[in-house]
C-alpha atoms as a PDB file:
ATOM      1  CA  MET A   1      15.368  20.117   8.107  1.00  0.00           C
ATOM      2  CA  SER A   2      18.587  19.142   6.317  1.00  0.00           C
ATOM      3  CA  GLN A   3      17.919  16.745   3.470  1.00  0.00           C
ATOM      4  CA  MET A   4      19.341  13.209   3.654  1.00  0.00           C
ATOM      5  CA  ILE A   5      21.365  11.690   0.831  1.00  0.00           C
ATOM      6  CA  ASP A   6      19.023  10.274  -1.806  1.00  0.00           C
ATOM      7  CA  GLN A   7      19.711   6.538  -1.792  1.00  0.00           C
ATOM      8  CA  TYR A   8      16.973   5.807  -4.381  1.00  0.00           C
ATOM      9  CA  PRO A   9      16.982   8.501  -7.076  1.00  0.00           C
ATOM     10  CA  THR A  10      13.889   8.497  -9.283  1.00  0.00           C
ATOM     11  CA  ARG A  11      12.110  10.862 -11.729  1.00  0.00           C
ATOM     12  CA  LYS A  12      15.455  12.572 -12.314  1.00  0.00           C
ATOM     13  CA  LEU A  13      16.854  10.825 -15.427  1.00  0.00           C
ATOM     14  CA  ALA A  14      15.576  10.515 -18.972  1.00  0.00           C
ATOM     15  CA  TYR A  15      15.733   6.762 -18.749  1.00  0.00           C
ATOM     16  CA  PRO A  16      14.748   4.143 -16.116  1.00  0.00           C
ATOM     17  CA  THR A  17      17.262   2.188 -14.006  1.00  0.00           C
ATOM     18  CA  ILE A  18      17.131  -0.954 -11.872  1.00  0.00           C
ATOM     19  CA  THR A  19      19.386  -0.917  -8.782  1.00  0.00           C
ATOM     20  CA  GLU A  20      19.833  -3.252  -5.849  1.00  0.00           C
ATOM     21  CA  ARG A  21      17.939  -2.563  -2.643  1.00  0.00           C
ATOM     22  CA  LYS A  22      20.132  -0.961   0.033  1.00  0.00           C
ATOM     23  CA  ASP A  23      17.930  -1.765   3.073  1.00  0.00           C
ATOM     24  CA  PRO A  24      16.909  -4.939   4.961  1.00  0.00           C
ATOM     25  CA  VAL A  25      13.535  -6.491   4.332  1.00  0.00           C
ATOM     26  CA  VAL A  26      13.018  -8.039   7.797  1.00  0.00           C
ATOM     27  CA  TYR A  27      14.512  -5.888  10.575  1.00  0.00           C
ATOM     28  CA  ASN A  28      14.092  -8.335  13.460  1.00  0.00           C
ATOM     29  CA  HIS A  29      14.617 -12.082  13.107  1.00  0.00           C
ATOM     30  CA  ASN A  30      14.306 -12.804  16.812  1.00  0.00           C
ATOM     31  CA  LEU A  31      10.692 -13.831  17.384  1.00  0.00           C
ATOM     32  CA  ASN A  32       8.895 -11.681  19.946  1.00  0.00           C
ATOM     33  CA  GLN A  33       5.250 -12.579  19.138  1.00  0.00           C
ATOM     34  CA  ASN A  34       3.097 -15.659  18.489  1.00  0.00           C
ATOM     35  CA  GLU A  35       1.245 -14.756  15.291  1.00  0.00           C
ATOM     36  CA  ILE A  36       3.905 -15.757  12.760  1.00  0.00           C
ATOM     37  CA  ASP A  37       7.033 -17.905  12.930  1.00  0.00           C
ATOM     38  CA  LEU A  38      10.494 -17.960  11.303  1.00  0.00           C
ATOM     39  CA  SER A  39       9.192 -19.699   8.157  1.00  0.00           C
ATOM     40  CA  HIS A  40       6.761 -16.813   7.670  1.00  0.00           C
ATOM     41  CA  LEU A  41       9.532 -14.282   8.097  1.00  0.00           C
ATOM     42  CA  ALA A  42      11.713 -16.160   5.602  1.00  0.00           C
ATOM     43  CA  TYR A  43       8.908 -16.254   3.044  1.00  0.00           C
ATOM     44  CA  TYR A  44       8.261 -12.529   3.477  1.00  0.00           C
ATOM     45  CA  GLU A  45      11.948 -11.758   3.136  1.00  0.00           C
ATOM     46  CA  GLU A  46      12.276 -13.833  -0.055  1.00  0.00           C
ATOM     47  CA  ASN A  47       9.058 -12.906  -1.787  1.00  0.00           C
ATOM     48  CA  GLY A  48       8.179  -9.496  -0.341  1.00  0.00           C
ATOM     49  CA  PHE A  49       4.689 -10.418   0.855  1.00  0.00           C
ATOM     50  CA  LEU A  50       2.873 -12.650   3.319  1.00  0.00           C
ATOM     51  CA  PHE A  51      -0.765 -13.759   3.026  1.00  0.00           C
ATOM     52  CA  LEU A  52      -2.536 -14.688   6.276  1.00  0.00           C
ATOM     53  CA  ASP A  53      -5.866 -16.295   5.505  1.00  0.00           C
ATOM     54  CA  HIS A  54      -8.682 -16.246   8.088  1.00  0.00           C
ATOM     55  CA  PHE A  55      -6.668 -13.901  10.275  1.00  0.00           C
ATOM     56  CA  PHE A  56      -9.819 -12.430  11.757  1.00  0.00           C
ATOM     57  CA  ALA A  57     -12.781 -14.360  13.213  1.00  0.00           C
ATOM     58  CA  ALA A  58     -16.231 -14.568  11.608  1.00  0.00           C
ATOM     59  CA  ASP A  59     -17.858 -12.118  14.025  1.00  0.00           C
ATOM     60  CA  GLU A  60     -15.116  -9.570  13.304  1.00  0.00           C
ATOM     61  CA  VAL A  61     -15.680 -10.019   9.589  1.00  0.00           C
ATOM     62  CA  GLU A  62     -19.381  -9.255   9.932  1.00  0.00           C
ATOM     63  CA  GLN A  63     -18.444  -6.006  11.700  1.00  0.00           C
ATOM     64  CA  PHE A  64     -15.981  -5.224   8.891  1.00  0.00           C
ATOM     65  CA  LYS A  65     -18.746  -5.497   6.306  1.00  0.00           C
ATOM     66  CA  PHE A  66     -21.185  -3.362   8.320  1.00  0.00           C
ATOM     67  CA  GLU A  67     -18.657  -0.592   8.922  1.00  0.00           C
ATOM     68  CA  THR A  68     -17.494  -0.661   5.275  1.00  0.00           C
ATOM     69  CA  GLN A  69     -21.027  -0.150   3.968  1.00  0.00           C
ATOM     70  CA  ARG A  70     -21.608   2.625   6.471  1.00  0.00           C
ATOM     71  CA  LEU A  71     -18.426   4.371   5.378  1.00  0.00           C
ATOM     72  CA  LEU A  72     -19.307   3.978   1.691  1.00  0.00           C
ATOM     73  CA  SER A  73     -22.800   5.422   2.207  1.00  0.00           C
ATOM     74  CA  ALA A  74     -21.482   8.435   4.087  1.00  0.00           C
ATOM     75  CA  SER A  75     -18.698   9.040   1.577  1.00  0.00           C
ATOM     76  CA  ARG A  76     -20.983   9.194  -1.481  1.00  0.00           C
ATOM     77  CA  THR A  77     -22.256  12.646  -0.441  1.00  0.00           C
ATOM     78  CA  ALA A  78     -19.116  13.911   1.279  1.00  0.00           C
ATOM     79  CA  LYS A  79     -17.395  16.715  -0.646  1.00  0.00           C
ATOM     80  CA  ILE A  80     -14.032  16.446   1.060  1.00  0.00           C
ATOM     81  CA  PRO A  81     -10.532  15.783  -0.397  1.00  0.00           C
ATOM     82  CA  GLU A  82     -10.200  12.497   1.483  1.00  0.00           C
ATOM     83  CA  VAL A  83     -12.886  10.948  -0.768  1.00  0.00           C
ATOM     84  CA  ILE A  84     -11.457   9.986  -4.141  1.00  0.00           C
ATOM     85  CA  LEU A  85     -13.783   9.114  -7.037  1.00  0.00           C
ATOM     86  CA  GLU A  86     -13.235   6.644  -9.858  1.00  0.00           C
ATOM     87  CA  PRO A  87     -11.630   8.106 -13.031  1.00  0.00           C
ATOM     88  CA  GLY A  88     -14.347   9.261 -15.362  1.00  0.00           C
ATOM     89  CA  GLY A  89     -17.149   8.516 -12.904  1.00  0.00           C
ATOM     90  CA  ASP A  90     -18.737   9.411  -9.564  1.00  0.00           C
ATOM     91  CA  GLU A  91     -18.331   6.084  -7.717  1.00  0.00           C
ATOM     92  CA  VAL A  92     -16.151   6.205  -4.598  1.00  0.00           C
ATOM     93  CA  ARG A  93     -12.705   4.733  -5.350  1.00  0.00           C
ATOM     94  CA  SER A  94     -10.951   5.372  -2.002  1.00  0.00           C
ATOM     95  CA  VAL A  95     -11.485   7.127   1.331  1.00  0.00           C
ATOM     96  CA  PHE A  96      -8.247   8.293   2.924  1.00  0.00           C
ATOM     97  CA  ALA A  97      -7.182   8.949   6.533  1.00  0.00           C
ATOM     98  CA  VAL A  98      -9.770   6.560   7.941  1.00  0.00           C
ATOM     99  CA  HIS A  99      -7.513   5.868  10.962  1.00  0.00           C
ATOM    100  CA  GLU A 100      -8.072   9.506  11.983  1.00  0.00           C
ATOM    101  CA  SER A 101     -11.705  10.112  11.021  1.00  0.00           C
ATOM    102  CA  ASN A 102     -13.318   6.762  11.820  1.00  0.00           C
ATOM    103  CA  ARG A 103     -13.060   5.110  15.257  1.00  0.00           C
ATOM    104  CA  PHE A 104     -13.639   1.606  13.897  1.00  0.00           C
ATOM    105  CA  PHE A 105     -10.744   1.814  11.418  1.00  0.00           C
ATOM    106  CA  GLN A 106      -8.614   3.585  14.016  1.00  0.00           C
ATOM    107  CA  ASP A 107      -9.031   0.573  16.297  1.00  0.00           C
ATOM    108  CA  LEU A 108      -8.416  -1.821  13.387  1.00  0.00           C
ATOM    109  CA  ALA A 109      -5.085  -0.172  12.623  1.00  0.00           C
ATOM    110  CA  ALA A 110      -4.085  -0.553  16.292  1.00  0.00           C
ATOM    111  CA  HIS A 111      -5.251  -4.204  16.560  1.00  0.00           C
ATOM    112  CA  PRO A 112      -2.780  -5.918  18.884  1.00  0.00           C
ATOM    113  CA  ARG A 113      -2.383  -9.031  16.719  1.00  0.00           C
ATOM    114  CA  LEU A 114      -1.662  -6.936  13.621  1.00  0.00           C
ATOM    115  CA  GLN A 115       0.710  -4.674  15.488  1.00  0.00           C
ATOM    116  CA  ALA A 116       2.668  -7.696  16.782  1.00  0.00           C
ATOM    117  CA  VAL A 117       3.403  -8.956  13.271  1.00  0.00           C
ATOM    118  CA  ILE A 118       4.164  -5.529  11.839  1.00  0.00           C
ATOM    119  CA  LYS A 119       6.600  -4.591  14.597  1.00  0.00           C
ATOM    120  CA  GLN A 120       8.297  -7.962  14.206  1.00  0.00           C
ATOM    121  CA  ILE A 121       9.047  -7.233  10.536  1.00  0.00           C
ATOM    122  CA  ILE A 122       9.817  -3.508  10.902  1.00  0.00           C
ATOM    123  CA  GLY A 123      11.868  -4.026  14.065  1.00  0.00           C
ATOM    124  CA  SER A 124      10.726  -0.873  15.866  1.00  0.00           C
ATOM    125  CA  GLU A 125       7.680   1.056  16.921  1.00  0.00           C
ATOM    126  CA  VAL A 126       5.565   2.151  13.978  1.00  0.00           C
ATOM    127  CA  TYR A 127       3.024   4.814  13.040  1.00  0.00           C
ATOM    128  CA  VAL A 128       0.399   5.038  10.282  1.00  0.00           C
ATOM    129  CA  HIS A 129       1.940   6.802   7.301  1.00  0.00           C
ATOM    130  CA  GLN A 130      -1.275   6.443   5.258  1.00  0.00           C
ATOM    131  CA  SER A 131      -4.648   4.758   5.551  1.00  0.00           C
ATOM    132  CA  ARG A 132      -7.557   4.297   3.222  1.00  0.00           C
ATOM    133  CA  VAL A 133     -10.387   2.009   2.288  1.00  0.00           C
ATOM    134  CA  ASN A 134     -10.386   1.006  -1.374  1.00  0.00           C
ATOM    135  CA  PHE A 135     -13.658   0.113  -3.087  1.00  0.00           C
ATOM    136  CA  LYS A 136     -14.032  -1.844  -6.288  1.00  0.00           C
ATOM    137  CA  PRO A 137     -17.730  -2.114  -7.056  1.00  0.00           C
ATOM    138  CA  GLY A 138     -18.957  -4.911  -9.275  1.00  0.00           C
ATOM    139  CA  PHE A 139     -18.803  -4.240 -13.040  1.00  0.00           C
ATOM    140  CA  THR A 140     -17.290  -0.717 -12.723  1.00  0.00           C
ATOM    141  CA  GLY A 141     -14.288  -0.854 -10.339  1.00  0.00           C
ATOM    142  CA  LYS A 142     -11.205   0.419 -12.161  1.00  0.00           C
ATOM    143  CA  GLU A 143      -7.676  -0.953 -12.217  1.00  0.00           C
ATOM    144  CA  PHE A 144      -4.596   0.158 -10.288  1.00  0.00           C
ATOM    145  CA  TYR A 145      -1.587   0.043 -12.621  1.00  0.00           C
ATOM    146  CA  TRP A 146       1.722  -1.645 -11.646  1.00  0.00           C
ATOM    147  CA  HIS A 147       3.753   0.408  -9.182  1.00  0.00           C
ATOM    148  CA  SER A 148       6.058   0.366  -6.140  1.00  0.00           C
ATOM    149  CA  ASP A 149       4.485   2.366  -3.334  1.00  0.00           C
ATOM    150  CA  PHE A 150       7.933   3.276  -2.008  1.00  0.00           C
ATOM    151  CA  GLU A 151       8.856   5.020  -5.270  1.00  0.00           C
ATOM    152  CA  THR A 152       5.930   7.401  -4.739  1.00  0.00           C
ATOM    153  CA  TRP A 153       6.440   7.778  -1.007  1.00  0.00           C
ATOM    154  CA  HIS A 154      10.141   8.510  -1.550  1.00  0.00           C
ATOM    155  CA  ALA A 155       9.657  10.883  -4.460  1.00  0.00           C
ATOM    156  CA  GLU A 156       6.569  12.757  -3.288  1.00  0.00           C
ATOM    157  CA  ASP A 157       6.486  12.289   0.528  1.00  0.00           C
ATOM    158  CA  GLY A 158      10.172  12.162   1.422  1.00  0.00           C
ATOM    159  CA  MET A 159      10.284   8.632   2.922  1.00  0.00           C
ATOM    160  CA  PRO A 160      14.038   8.086   3.060  1.00  0.00           C
ATOM    161  CA  ARG A 161      14.482   4.318   3.419  1.00  0.00           C
ATOM    162  CA  MET A 162      12.625   1.066   2.802  1.00  0.00           C
ATOM    163  CA  ARG A 163      11.468   0.462   6.369  1.00  0.00           C
ATOM    164  CA  ALA A 164       7.692   0.406   5.890  1.00  0.00           C
ATOM    165  CA  LEU A 165       5.050  -2.078   4.860  1.00  0.00           C
ATOM    166  CA  SER A 166       1.469  -2.161   3.677  1.00  0.00           C
ATOM    167  CA  CYS A 167      -1.292  -4.110   5.408  1.00  0.00           C
ATOM    168  CA  SER A 168      -4.347  -4.862   3.258  1.00  0.00           C
ATOM    169  CA  ILE A 169      -7.294  -6.343   5.099  1.00  0.00           C
ATOM    170  CA  ALA A 170     -10.020  -7.986   3.017  1.00  0.00           C
ATOM    171  CA  LEU A 171     -13.374  -6.412   3.933  1.00  0.00           C
ATOM    172  CA  GLU A 172     -15.100  -8.488   1.251  1.00  0.00           C
ATOM    173  CA  ASP A 173     -13.980 -11.763  -0.331  1.00  0.00           C
ATOM    174  CA  ASN A 174     -11.041 -11.276  -2.690  1.00  0.00           C
ATOM    175  CA  THR A 175     -11.263 -13.692  -5.628  1.00  0.00           C
ATOM    176  CA  LEU A 176      -9.535 -14.347  -8.958  1.00  0.00           C
ATOM    177  CA  PHE A 177     -12.413 -12.576 -10.651  1.00  0.00           C
ATOM    178  CA  ASN A 178     -13.069  -9.277  -8.819  1.00  0.00           C
ATOM    179  CA  GLY A 179      -9.867  -7.304  -9.395  1.00  0.00           C
ATOM    180  CA  ALA A 180      -7.765  -8.626  -6.531  1.00  0.00           C
ATOM    181  CA  LEU A 181      -4.205  -7.480  -5.997  1.00  0.00           C
ATOM    182  CA  MET A 182      -1.450  -8.985  -8.146  1.00  0.00           C
ATOM    183  CA  VAL A 183       2.182  -8.983  -7.006  1.00  0.00           C
ATOM    184  CA  ILE A 184       5.539  -9.655  -8.626  1.00  0.00           C
ATOM    185  CA  PRO A 185       7.359 -11.862  -6.075  1.00  0.00           C
ATOM    186  CA  GLY A 186      10.908 -10.756  -5.351  1.00  0.00           C
ATOM    187  CA  SER A 187      10.517  -7.345  -7.034  1.00  0.00           C
ATOM    188  CA  HIS A 188      11.096  -5.701  -3.672  1.00  0.00           C
ATOM    189  CA  ARG A 189      14.792  -6.631  -3.852  1.00  0.00           C
ATOM    190  CA  VAL A 190      15.493  -4.039  -6.564  1.00  0.00           C
ATOM    191  CA  PHE A 191      14.464  -0.411  -7.014  1.00  0.00           C
ATOM    192  CA  VAL A 192      13.042   0.586 -10.402  1.00  0.00           C
ATOM    193  CA  SER A 193      13.444   4.306 -10.975  1.00  0.00           C
ATOM    194  CA  CYS A 194      10.813   6.063 -13.021  1.00  0.00           C
ATOM    195  CA  VAL A 195      10.929   8.730 -15.722  1.00  0.00           C
ATOM    196  CA  GLY A 196       9.182  12.091 -15.748  1.00  0.00           C
ATOM    197  CA  GLN A 197       9.334  15.131 -13.436  1.00  0.00           C
ATOM    198  CA  THR A 198       6.583  15.162 -10.825  1.00  0.00           C
ATOM    199  CA  PRO A 199       3.955  17.826 -11.655  1.00  0.00           C
ATOM    200  CA  ASP A 200       2.758  20.178  -8.959  1.00  0.00           C
ATOM    201  CA  ASP A 201      -0.172  18.771  -6.953  1.00  0.00           C
ATOM    202  CA  HIS A 202       0.290  15.465  -8.751  1.00  0.00           C
ATOM    203  CA  TYR A 203      -1.782  13.669  -6.125  1.00  0.00           C
ATOM    204  CA  LYS A 204      -5.007  15.274  -7.425  1.00  0.00           C
ATOM    205  CA  ASN A 205      -4.750  13.154 -10.566  1.00  0.00           C
ATOM    206  CA  SER A 206      -2.587  10.196  -9.459  1.00  0.00           C
ATOM    207  CA  LEU A 207      -5.053   9.010  -6.793  1.00  0.00           C
ATOM    208  CA  ARG A 208      -7.556   8.451  -9.641  1.00  0.00           C
ATOM    209  CA  ARG A 209      -5.186   7.395 -12.407  1.00  0.00           C
ATOM    210  CA  GLN A 210      -1.403   7.338 -12.004  1.00  0.00           C
ATOM    211  CA  GLU A 211       0.821   8.500 -14.887  1.00  0.00           C
ATOM    212  CA  TYR A 212       4.077   9.451 -13.152  1.00  0.00           C
ATOM    213  CA  GLY A 213       5.852   7.017 -10.850  1.00  0.00           C
ATOM    214  CA  VAL A 214       4.881   4.106 -13.127  1.00  0.00           C
ATOM    215  CA  PRO A 215       7.581   1.540 -13.959  1.00  0.00           C
ATOM    216  CA  ASP A 216       8.537   1.160 -17.637  1.00  0.00           C
ATOM    217  CA  GLN A 217       7.323  -1.858 -19.539  1.00  0.00           C
ATOM    218  CA  GLU A 218      10.797  -3.256 -20.175  1.00  0.00           C
ATOM    219  CA  SER A 219      11.642  -3.302 -16.462  1.00  0.00           C
ATOM    220  CA  LEU A 220       8.268  -4.866 -15.614  1.00  0.00           C
ATOM    221  CA  THR A 221       8.774  -7.575 -18.295  1.00  0.00           C
ATOM    222  CA  THR A 222      12.218  -8.392 -16.892  1.00  0.00           C
ATOM    223  CA  LEU A 223      10.928  -8.767 -13.335  1.00  0.00           C
ATOM    224  CA  VAL A 224       7.900 -10.847 -14.390  1.00  0.00           C
ATOM    225  CA  ASN A 225      10.072 -13.109 -16.515  1.00  0.00           C
ATOM    226  CA  GLN A 226      12.282 -13.703 -13.468  1.00  0.00           C
ATOM    227  CA  SER A 227       9.564 -14.388 -10.900  1.00  0.00           C
ATOM    228  CA  GLY A 228       6.137 -14.440 -12.478  1.00  0.00           C
ATOM    229  CA  ILE A 229       2.932 -12.939 -11.074  1.00  0.00           C
ATOM    230  CA  GLU A 230       0.941 -14.130  -8.069  1.00  0.00           C
ATOM    231  CA  MET A 231      -2.502 -13.163  -6.825  1.00  0.00           C
ATOM    232  CA  PRO A 232      -2.975 -13.805  -3.061  1.00  0.00           C
ATOM    233  CA  VAL A 233      -6.718 -14.172  -2.595  1.00  0.00           C
ATOM    234  CA  GLY A 234      -8.978 -15.272   0.251  1.00  0.00           C
ATOM    235  CA  LYS A 235     -12.095 -14.686   2.243  1.00  0.00           C
ATOM    236  CA  ALA A 236     -13.051 -11.462   4.018  1.00  0.00           C
ATOM    237  CA  GLY A 237     -10.907 -11.224   7.166  1.00  0.00           C
ATOM    238  CA  SER A 238      -7.701 -12.345   5.473  1.00  0.00           C
ATOM    239  CA  VAL A 239      -4.604 -10.111   5.644  1.00  0.00           C
ATOM    240  CA  LEU A 240      -1.984  -9.394   3.038  1.00  0.00           C
ATOM    241  CA  LEU A 241       1.262  -7.816   4.260  1.00  0.00           C
ATOM    242  CA  PHE A 242       3.661  -6.603   1.633  1.00  0.00           C
ATOM    243  CA  ASP A 243       6.937  -4.720   1.542  1.00  0.00           C
ATOM    244  CA  CYS A 244       6.831  -1.010   0.635  1.00  0.00           C
ATOM    245  CA  ASN A 245       8.909  -1.657  -2.504  1.00  0.00           C
ATOM    246  CA  LEU A 246       7.033  -4.687  -3.857  1.00  0.00           C
ATOM    247  CA  ILE A 247       5.649  -3.998  -7.336  1.00  0.00           C
ATOM    248  CA  HIS A 248       1.931  -4.672  -7.443  1.00  0.00           C
ATOM    249  CA  GLY A 249      -1.247  -3.723  -9.288  1.00  0.00           C
ATOM    250  CA  SER A 250      -4.761  -4.942 -10.016  1.00  0.00           C
ATOM    251  CA  ASN A 251      -7.178  -5.371 -12.868  1.00  0.00           C
ATOM    252  CA  SER A 252     -10.604  -3.768 -13.291  1.00  0.00           C
ATOM    253  CA  ASN A 253     -13.507  -5.539 -11.606  1.00  0.00           C
ATOM    254  CA  ILE A 254     -15.914  -6.619 -14.333  1.00  0.00           C
ATOM    255  CA  SER A 255     -17.461  -9.316 -12.158  1.00  0.00           C
ATOM    256  CA  PRO A 256     -20.732  -8.739 -10.250  1.00  0.00           C
ATOM    257  CA  PHE A 257     -18.860  -9.157  -6.944  1.00  0.00           C
ATOM    258  CA  PRO A 258     -17.628  -6.044  -5.070  1.00  0.00           C
ATOM    259  CA  ARG A 259     -14.185  -5.942  -3.537  1.00  0.00           C
ATOM    260  CA  SER A 260     -13.245  -3.731  -0.595  1.00  0.00           C
ATOM    261  CA  ASN A 261     -10.012  -3.575   1.387  1.00  0.00           C
ATOM    262  CA  ALA A 262      -8.774  -1.551   4.363  1.00  0.00           C
ATOM    263  CA  PHE A 263      -5.287  -0.428   3.571  1.00  0.00           C
ATOM    264  CA  PHE A 264      -2.815   0.737   6.234  1.00  0.00           C
ATOM    265  CA  VAL A 265       0.769   1.774   5.682  1.00  0.00           C
ATOM    266  CA  PHE A 266       3.002   1.355   8.727  1.00  0.00           C
ATOM    267  CA  ASN A 267       6.311   3.225   8.792  1.00  0.00           C
ATOM    268  CA  SER A 268       9.098   2.909  11.339  1.00  0.00           C
ATOM    269  CA  VAL A 269       9.350   5.806  13.812  1.00  0.00           C
ATOM    270  CA  ASP A 270      13.054   5.759  12.820  1.00  0.00           C
ATOM    271  CA  ASN A 271      12.194   6.414   9.128  1.00  0.00           C
ATOM    272  CA  ARG A 272      10.367   9.692   9.389  1.00  0.00           C
ATOM    273  CA  LEU A 273       9.570  11.744   6.322  1.00  0.00           C
ATOM    274  CA  GLN A 274      12.028  14.294   4.969  1.00  0.00           C
ATOM    275  CA  ASN A 275      11.446  16.842   2.262  1.00  0.00           C
ATOM    276  CA  PRO A 276      10.253  15.146  -0.955  1.00  0.00           C
ATOM    277  CA  PHE A 277      13.137  13.753  -2.980  1.00  0.00           C
ATOM    278  CA  SER A 278      11.517  14.374  -6.406  1.00  0.00           C
ATOM    279  CA  ALA A 279       8.661  16.834  -5.906  1.00  0.00           C
ATOM    280  CA  SER A 280       8.392  20.540  -5.197  1.00  0.00           C
ATOM    281  CA  LYS A 281       6.359  20.181  -2.012  1.00  0.00           C
ATOM    282  CA  PRO A 282       4.964  17.425   0.263  1.00  0.00           C
ATOM    283  CA  ARG A 283       1.566  15.894  -0.355  1.00  0.00           C
ATOM    284  CA  PRO A 284      -1.233  16.758   2.105  1.00  0.00           C
ATOM    285  CA  HIS A 285      -1.434  15.210   5.555  1.00  0.00           C
ATOM    286  CA  PHE A 286      -4.434  13.027   4.678  1.00  0.00           C
ATOM    287  CA  ILE A 287      -2.240  11.159   2.166  1.00  0.00           C
ATOM    288  CA  ALA A 288       1.054  11.166   4.034  1.00  0.00           C
ATOM    289  CA  SER A 289       1.170  11.814   7.775  1.00  0.00           C
ATOM    290  CA  ARG A 290       4.080  13.997   8.836  1.00  0.00           C
ATOM    291  CA  THR A 291       3.094  14.321  12.491  1.00  0.00           C
ATOM    292  CA  LYS A 292       4.406  12.303  15.403  1.00  0.00           C
ATOM    293  CA  PRO A 293       2.085   9.530  16.639  1.00  0.00           C
END
């Protein structure tokens, strides 16, 4: 395929840059569903995220917990690339492509109420670019350093524009103490380029501990000084939607309380992957789907 113009260059210069976003955040402001209203859309557009507490009912949450434990048990002995272990250990960190391998998570990704909100924001039909379940066991769950997902998806997967979002569903209670996600509000409105050429097969290390595609400390400090840091937390069954370019991260979990989240990335069917913009070859399908839904 012919390569598109690179609107968001990254990993190409010896120094980082901060540039204005060139794409909309909300693609459809005409309400066509009943799950969120215009005030929700305005909040998402301004801050880059939207937290929907108690989105799922109690009986659904119990099913979440059962299926999560079943997935974790099966994954501990699975020697497949979709199962990622914690850095320096043998605990399961993430299980990828669950929307393809697991019927429960396939149905969860296609949940009509979720789909209604996502299509409202994206303004088109969508497909799952990536899915995974993240585990953070009590005492040993490791951190995820600050990053913009879009920077990686653009550089290593060839996602051309910012027309995607992440949906994180709490499978266990997310609290202030068990390594919940932190976000920098408003950081989605700029693009922070990163330094360092992408190594071949970078994903084999980055899924455990990311070194390339990490924003520099000066840029992070500037953004935090402008907008601060927030930690959207809630009970199991809550949903966090956040823009593909929002900078986020999480601390280690040194509490006794486990944290697990189902993570789905929804990309517009009009924003299909090209050749990687800053890598020698695409990442595998289980990390970045390149097939039509």
